[in-house]
Amino acid sequence: MDAVISGIGVALPPATAQDDIWDGYFAHHYTGARHGLARRIFANAGVRTRQAVVSPLLEDVAHWSTERRMRRYQAEAIPLGKAAVDRALADAGVAAGDLGLFAVCSCTGYATPGLDILLARDLGMSPHVQRLFVGHMGCYAALPGLGTVSDFVVARGRPALLLCAELTSLHLQPPGARADIQQIVSHALFSDAAAAVVVTPEDQNHPGYAVRELAAITDTSTADHMTWEVTDLGFRMGLSPKVPAVLAAHVRGLVDQVLSAHGRSIAEVDGWAVHPGGPKILDVVQERLELPAAALAESRAVLAAHGNCSSPTVLLVLNELRRRPVPPRRIVMLAFGPGLTLYVTLLEGSTLAA
């Protein structure tokens, strides 16, 4: 039996143009040479619009305490997550009460009872549904999450659901707190989103993408290159400019390993869902895998329209791929994050209904 992605649901908060965010808010954070540098970073981030549950143009959370941010996280994440899950269940034709496992990935907020408990209650899941909450894995969390729910489906023969929900807008940092380049880059890239996938036992009546393989590599010698620190003023991102070089060292070997295990090659992949951590990340993947520019069109489009939404982002790219006039038959998903860690997943099968 294979585990098959049979439904996808996406929920997004209101969008704001990147230029408006810069002109109306961040342009006032920096002076002198720092101002010019920050402006160039925002302009070259590859982002056209971003979504946020709390827009800095309407509500400035930069000086909020972590406690206040966590309360807002719970209030905003529940309806956003519910909308994504509802859409994924409807897309798959699966009832909430039939789920055997409900997994949630989120690194931008914590509370108990958490999203897994409250959404299971509000959506009418069985009181016997098993739950899993994955936190602080960051941008790559969707792929180990997908691997876990897929293993459950194969072992138990029951449907499972994965929700990735991130509200990075709640972690805006004060202007003078950390005005280094890493913080400017984070402010220029990150956004909010929720995405859910339903994974079911293989069934010819419910076509989808079978999860064939999942592999990971972690380079612990670069553990300080990407950090997510809990502070009294929310969570603060550390993002080294050396990240693309680390990715370049490992991505080709891991992709080749996953494909060769199934007798496949890069040339046989017609869909690439690459987490758009930033333009340089996509450039490195394209170069190391020797891909044509069109191969990463959906990844670049998601970056432009939504920014980097952390864990849901690679699922947004997958959703775009299946909306092609002729959806791909074989997809490689790539995501990376703290560790530094790189995950690769191979999907194969018939198309999902758009």
Protein backbone atom coordinates (compact mmCIF):
# COMPACT_ATOMS: atom_id res chain seq x y z
CA MET A 1 0.00 0.00 0.00
CA ASP A 2 1.15 3.53 -0.76
CA ALA A 3 0.23 6.70 1.10
CA VAL A 4 -1.27 9.21 -1.32
CA ILE A 5 -1.71 12.98 -1.05
CA SER A 6 -5.38 13.15 -2.03
CA GLY A 7 -6.28 16.71 -1.00
CA ILE A 8 -4.67 20.08 -0.41
CA GLY A 9 -6.11 23.17 1.28
CA VAL A 10 -4.60 26.65 1.59
CA ALA A 11 -5.66 29.63 3.70
CA LEU A 12 -4.06 33.07 3.51
CA PRO A 13 -4.58 36.27 5.52
CA PRO A 14 -4.88 39.66 3.76
CA ALA A 15 -2.07 40.64 1.38
CA THR A 16 0.01 43.82 1.25
CA ALA A 17 2.38 44.95 -1.49
CA GLN A 18 6.07 44.70 -0.61
CA ASP A 19 6.65 48.31 -1.74
CA ASP A 20 3.86 49.53 0.55
CA ILE A 21 5.34 47.68 3.53
CA TRP A 22 8.70 49.29 2.83
CA ASP A 23 7.41 52.82 2.20
CA GLY A 24 4.83 52.81 4.98
CA TYR A 25 6.81 51.13 7.73
CA PHE A 26 10.34 49.75 7.32
CA ALA A 27 11.75 52.80 5.50
CA HIS A 28 11.48 54.65 8.81
CA HIS A 29 13.55 52.03 10.68
CA TYR A 30 16.94 52.79 9.16
CA THR A 31 19.14 55.80 8.53
CA GLY A 32 22.23 56.57 6.47
CA ALA A 33 23.98 53.70 4.73
CA ARG A 34 21.77 51.19 6.58
CA HIS A 35 18.70 52.75 4.94
CA GLY A 36 20.09 52.29 1.44
CA LEU A 37 21.18 48.72 2.18
CA ALA A 38 17.79 47.79 3.64
CA ARG A 39 15.99 49.30 0.67
CA ARG A 40 18.05 47.21 -1.75
CA ILE A 41 17.41 44.05 0.29
CA PHE A 42 13.65 44.63 0.21
CA ALA A 43 13.71 45.41 -3.51
CA ASN A 44 15.77 42.31 -4.37
CA ALA A 45 14.02 39.81 -2.10
CA GLY A 46 11.97 38.41 -4.96
CA VAL A 47 8.76 39.27 -3.07
CA ARG A 48 5.95 41.26 -4.65
CA THR A 49 3.19 40.78 -2.06
CA ARG A 50 3.01 39.23 1.39
CA GLN A 51 0.21 38.09 3.69
CA ALA A 52 -0.01 38.90 7.38
CA VAL A 53 -2.54 38.39 10.16
CA VAL A 54 -1.07 41.58 11.66
CA SER A 55 0.08 44.14 9.10
CA PRO A 56 2.64 46.63 10.45
CA LEU A 57 0.80 49.30 8.44
CA LEU A 58 -2.24 48.78 10.68
CA GLU A 59 -0.88 47.45 13.95
CA ASP A 60 2.73 47.61 15.14
CA VAL A 61 3.61 44.58 17.29
CA ALA A 62 7.37 45.31 17.41
CA HIS A 63 7.35 46.16 21.13
CA TRP A 64 4.79 43.56 22.22
CA SER A 65 5.84 41.04 24.84
CA THR A 66 6.14 37.38 23.85
CA GLU A 67 3.11 36.62 26.03
CA ARG A 68 0.95 39.08 24.12
CA ARG A 69 2.17 37.72 20.79
CA MET A 70 1.35 34.15 21.85
CA ARG A 71 -2.19 35.12 22.80
CA ARG A 72 -2.65 36.72 19.40
CA TYR A 73 -1.16 33.66 17.73
CA GLN A 74 -3.84 31.44 19.21
CA ALA A 75 -6.61 33.84 18.20
CA GLU A 76 -5.40 34.13 14.61
CA ALA A 77 -4.05 30.64 13.93
CA ILE A 78 -7.24 28.78 14.81
CA PRO A 79 -9.50 30.28 12.08
CA LEU A 80 -6.68 30.25 9.52
CA GLY A 81 -5.84 26.62 10.24
CA LYS A 82 -9.50 25.63 10.24
CA ALA A 83 -10.01 27.13 6.78
CA ALA A 84 -7.01 25.24 5.36
CA VAL A 85 -8.09 21.94 6.91
CA ASP A 86 -11.70 22.34 5.73
CA ARG A 87 -10.51 22.90 2.16
CA ALA A 88 -8.12 19.94 2.23
CA LEU A 89 -10.80 17.58 3.56
CA ALA A 90 -13.29 18.76 0.95
CA ASP A 91 -10.68 18.38 -1.80
CA ALA A 92 -9.97 14.79 -0.72
CA GLY A 93 -13.59 13.88 -0.06
CA VAL A 94 -12.69 12.75 3.46
CA ALA A 95 -14.74 13.44 6.60
CA ALA A 96 -12.96 14.87 9.63
CA GLY A 97 -14.32 12.05 11.77
CA ASP A 98 -12.55 9.46 9.59
CA LEU A 99 -9.03 10.75 10.30
CA GLY A 100 -6.76 8.50 12.31
CA LEU A 101 -3.96 11.05 12.80
CA PHE A 102 -3.90 14.83 12.89
CA ALA A 103 -0.42 16.38 12.78
CA VAL A 104 0.36 20.09 13.12
CA CYS A 105 3.65 21.84 12.31
CA SER A 106 4.20 25.36 13.63
CA CYS A 107 7.24 27.18 15.00
CA THR A 108 5.74 30.67 15.39
CA GLY A 109 3.47 30.14 18.37
CA TYR A 110 2.77 27.91 21.35
CA ALA A 111 -0.15 27.36 23.71
CA THR A 112 -1.78 24.46 25.52
CA PRO A 113 -4.33 23.31 24.57
CA GLY A 114 -2.82 23.84 21.12
CA LEU A 115 -4.00 23.92 17.55
CA ASP A 116 -4.08 20.13 17.37
CA ILE A 117 -6.56 19.88 20.26
CA LEU A 118 -8.72 22.90 19.49
CA LEU A 119 -9.01 22.28 15.76
CA ALA A 120 -9.75 18.58 16.30
CA ARG A 121 -12.60 19.68 18.55
CA ASP A 122 -13.92 22.41 16.29
CA LEU A 123 -13.73 20.33 13.11
CA GLY A 124 -15.53 17.31 14.54
CA MET A 125 -12.63 14.86 14.57
CA SER A 126 -13.04 11.68 16.55
CA PRO A 127 -12.10 11.83 20.25
CA HIS A 128 -9.85 8.86 19.43
CA VAL A 129 -7.88 10.67 16.72
CA GLN A 130 -4.17 10.55 17.38
CA ARG A 131 -2.42 13.91 17.42
CA LEU A 132 1.11 15.14 16.87
CA PHE A 133 2.47 18.67 17.25
CA VAL A 134 5.85 19.48 15.66
CA GLY A 135 7.51 22.75 16.67
CA HIS A 136 10.77 24.57 15.97
CA MET A 137 11.75 22.61 12.87
CA GLY A 138 11.18 25.77 10.86
CA CYS A 139 10.97 25.96 7.08
CA TYR A 140 11.51 22.26 6.35
CA ALA A 141 8.93 20.91 8.85
CA ALA A 142 6.32 20.05 6.19
CA LEU A 143 8.45 17.24 4.77
CA PRO A 144 9.21 15.28 7.96
CA GLY A 145 5.58 15.95 8.87
CA LEU A 146 4.48 14.47 5.55
CA GLY A 147 6.75 11.50 6.10
CA THR A 148 5.25 10.84 9.53
CA VAL A 149 1.61 10.99 8.43
CA SER A 150 2.45 8.85 5.38
CA ASP A 151 4.03 6.18 7.59
CA PHE A 152 0.89 6.20 9.74
CA VAL A 153 -1.34 5.73 6.68
CA VAL A 154 0.74 2.78 5.44
CA ALA A 155 0.93 1.14 8.87
CA ARG A 156 -2.71 1.68 9.91
CA GLY A 157 -4.58 1.91 6.62
CA ARG A 158 -6.43 5.05 7.77
CA PRO A 159 -6.44 8.65 6.49
CA ALA A 160 -4.27 11.30 8.13
CA LEU A 161 -3.98 15.06 7.87
CA LEU A 162 -1.02 17.41 8.13
CA LEU A 163 -1.46 21.13 8.85
CA CYS A 164 1.39 23.64 8.60
CA ALA A 165 0.47 27.05 10.03
CA GLU A 166 2.91 29.93 10.56
CA LEU A 167 2.34 33.52 11.67
CA THR A 168 5.74 35.13 11.26
CA SER A 169 4.21 38.63 11.25
CA LEU A 170 3.78 38.35 15.02
CA HIS A 171 7.56 38.32 15.46
CA LEU A 172 8.40 41.73 14.07
CA GLN A 173 11.46 43.03 15.90
CA PRO A 174 11.96 46.59 17.26
CA PRO A 175 13.89 48.96 14.95
CA GLY A 176 16.90 49.34 17.23
CA ALA A 177 16.96 45.85 18.69
CA ARG A 178 18.87 44.08 15.94
CA ALA A 179 19.36 46.18 12.82
CA ASP A 180 21.93 43.81 11.30
CA ILE A 181 21.69 42.43 7.80
CA GLN A 182 20.24 39.10 8.95
CA GLN A 183 17.29 40.83 10.59
CA ILE A 184 16.70 43.07 7.57
CA VAL A 185 16.62 40.02 5.29
CA SER A 186 14.15 38.28 7.61
CA HIS A 187 11.86 41.31 7.64
CA ALA A 188 12.01 41.47 3.84
CA LEU A 189 11.11 37.81 3.25
CA PHE A 190 8.78 36.30 5.81
CA SER A 191 5.01 36.02 5.62
CA ASP A 192 1.98 34.14 7.04
CA ALA A 193 0.05 31.16 5.66
CA ALA A 194 -1.62 27.86 6.48
CA ALA A 195 -1.59 24.79 4.25
CA ALA A 196 -3.00 21.33 4.87
CA VAL A 197 -2.70 17.99 3.07
CA VAL A 198 -4.86 14.89 3.44
CA VAL A 199 -3.00 11.62 3.04
CA THR A 200 -4.99 8.45 2.38
CA PRO A 201 -4.36 4.79 1.52
CA GLU A 202 -3.95 4.30 -2.21
CA ASP A 203 -7.33 4.12 -3.94
CA GLN A 204 -7.90 4.30 -7.68
CA ASN A 205 -11.13 6.21 -7.04
CA HIS A 206 -9.18 9.02 -5.32
CA PRO A 207 -6.12 9.73 -7.46
CA GLY A 208 -3.26 11.70 -6.00
CA TYR A 209 0.49 11.79 -5.49
CA ALA A 210 2.00 8.73 -3.81
CA VAL A 211 4.76 9.49 -1.30
CA ARG A 212 7.54 7.25 -2.62
CA GLU A 213 10.62 8.33 -0.72
CA LEU A 214 11.85 10.79 1.89
CA ALA A 215 15.46 11.49 2.87
CA ALA A 216 17.34 14.06 4.92
CA ILE A 217 20.83 15.31 5.61
CA THR A 218 21.92 17.59 8.46
CA ASP A 219 25.23 19.43 8.49
CA THR A 220 25.68 20.15 12.19
CA SER A 221 28.94 21.98 11.55
CA THR A 222 26.75 24.86 10.30
CA ALA A 223 24.16 24.76 13.10
CA ASP A 224 24.66 28.45 13.87
CA HIS A 225 23.80 29.54 10.31
CA MET A 226 20.04 29.53 10.92
CA THR A 227 18.51 30.18 14.33
CA TRP A 228 15.11 30.97 15.84
CA GLU A 229 15.53 32.41 19.32
CA VAL A 230 12.76 32.94 21.86
CA THR A 231 13.21 36.42 23.36
CA ASP A 232 11.12 38.67 25.58
CA LEU A 233 10.02 40.45 22.38
CA GLY A 234 8.90 37.48 20.34
CA PHE A 235 11.05 35.08 18.31
CA ARG A 236 14.11 36.42 16.51
CA MET A 237 15.52 34.96 13.31
CA GLY A 238 19.20 34.49 12.63
CA LEU A 239 19.96 33.87 8.94
CA SER A 240 23.55 33.62 7.73
CA PRO A 241 24.45 34.61 4.15
CA LYS A 242 26.44 31.34 4.06
CA VAL A 243 23.25 29.22 3.90
CA PRO A 244 23.16 28.98 0.05
CA ALA A 245 26.74 27.67 0.01
CA VAL A 246 25.88 24.90 2.49
CA LEU A 247 22.83 23.96 0.43
CA ALA A 248 24.99 23.90 -2.71
CA ALA A 249 27.31 21.37 -1.08
CA HIS A 250 24.58 18.84 -0.33
CA VAL A 251 21.54 19.22 -2.60
CA ARG A 252 22.75 17.36 -5.69
CA GLY A 253 23.97 14.33 -3.75
CA LEU A 254 20.75 13.93 -1.77
CA VAL A 255 18.47 14.39 -4.79
CA ASP A 256 20.47 11.87 -6.80
CA GLN A 257 20.34 9.43 -3.88
CA VAL A 258 16.55 9.62 -3.62
CA LEU A 259 15.97 9.31 -7.35
CA SER A 260 18.46 6.50 -7.94
CA ALA A 261 16.78 4.43 -5.21
CA HIS A 262 13.77 4.31 -7.54
CA GLY A 263 15.70 3.96 -10.79
CA ARG A 264 15.02 7.58 -11.72
CA SER A 265 17.11 10.55 -12.79
CA ILE A 266 16.72 14.32 -12.62
CA ALA A 267 15.72 14.37 -16.29
CA GLU A 268 12.67 12.23 -15.45
CA VAL A 269 11.30 14.72 -12.90
CA ASP A 270 8.70 17.05 -14.39
CA GLY A 271 7.76 18.92 -11.21
CA TRP A 272 10.00 20.70 -8.70
CA ALA A 273 8.55 22.01 -5.44
CA VAL A 274 11.48 23.86 -3.90
CA HIS A 275 11.02 25.86 -0.71
CA PRO A 276 11.71 29.46 -1.81
CA GLY A 277 13.80 30.57 1.12
CA GLY A 278 14.97 33.46 -1.03
CA PRO A 279 16.14 34.16 -4.59
CA LYS A 280 19.70 32.95 -3.94
CA ILE A 281 18.41 29.63 -2.60
CA LEU A 282 16.45 29.01 -5.78
CA ASP A 283 19.41 30.06 -7.91
CA VAL A 284 21.67 27.56 -6.12
CA VAL A 285 19.20 24.69 -6.52
CA GLN A 286 18.71 25.46 -10.20
CA GLU A 287 22.47 25.61 -10.80
CA ARG A 288 23.44 22.50 -8.81
CA LEU A 289 20.65 20.36 -10.31
CA GLU A 290 21.25 21.82 -13.80
CA LEU A 291 17.58 22.68 -14.24
CA PRO A 292 16.06 24.95 -16.87
CA ALA A 293 14.61 28.21 -15.59
CA ALA A 294 11.04 27.00 -16.15
CA ALA A 295 11.53 24.15 -13.67
CA LEU A 296 11.40 26.53 -10.70
CA ALA A 297 8.71 28.84 -12.10
CA GLU A 298 6.16 27.81 -9.43
CA SER A 299 8.68 28.22 -6.60
CA ARG A 300 9.59 31.71 -7.77
CA ALA A 301 5.92 32.58 -8.27
CA VAL A 302 5.10 31.54 -4.70
CA LEU A 303 7.99 33.64 -3.38
CA ALA A 304 6.74 36.65 -5.35
CA ALA A 305 3.09 36.30 -4.34
CA HIS A 306 3.46 35.05 -0.77
CA GLY A 307 7.03 35.52 0.47
CA ASN A 308 8.66 32.89 2.66
CA CYS A 309 5.89 31.51 4.91
CA SER A 310 8.17 28.99 6.66
CA SER A 311 6.73 25.45 6.87
CA PRO A 312 3.63 25.87 4.63
CA THR A 313 5.58 27.34 1.72
CA VAL A 314 6.67 24.13 0.01
CA LEU A 315 3.03 22.96 0.16
CA LEU A 316 1.98 26.19 -1.56
CA VAL A 317 4.40 25.33 -4.35
CA LEU A 318 3.01 21.78 -4.57
CA ASN A 319 -0.48 23.25 -4.86
CA GLU A 320 0.67 25.45 -7.76
CA LEU A 321 2.25 22.49 -9.56
CA ARG A 322 -0.94 20.49 -9.53
CA ARG A 323 -2.77 23.45 -11.12
CA ARG A 324 -0.70 23.28 -14.29
CA PRO A 325 -2.81 22.58 -17.39
CA VAL A 326 -1.01 19.23 -17.46
CA PRO A 327 0.07 18.52 -13.88
CA PRO A 328 3.42 16.78 -13.39
CA ARG A 329 3.53 13.03 -12.91
CA ARG A 330 6.72 13.01 -10.85
CA ILE A 331 7.56 15.71 -8.28
CA VAL A 332 10.61 16.28 -6.12
CA MET A 333 10.01 18.43 -3.05
CA LEU A 334 12.94 20.14 -1.33
CA ALA A 335 12.97 22.14 1.89
CA PHE A 336 15.68 23.22 4.28
CA GLY A 337 16.02 24.84 7.69
CA PRO A 338 17.81 24.84 11.03
CA GLY A 339 20.53 22.28 11.44
CA LEU A 340 21.33 23.10 8.66
CA THR A 341 18.95 20.41 7.44
CA LEU A 342 17.85 19.51 3.91
CA TYR A 343 14.85 17.26 3.21
CA VAL A 344 13.98 15.69 -0.15
CA THR A 345 10.70 13.92 -0.95
CA LEU A 346 9.74 12.06 -4.12
CA LEU A 347 6.08 12.01 -5.18
CA GLU A 348 4.69 9.95 -8.05
CA GLY A 349 1.27 9.19 -9.37
CA SER A 350 -1.78 10.50 -11.16
CA THR A 351 -2.94 14.09 -10.81
CA LEU A 352 -4.96 15.72 -8.10
CA ALA A 353 -8.16 17.41 -9.14
CA ALA A 354 -7.59 21.16 -9.43
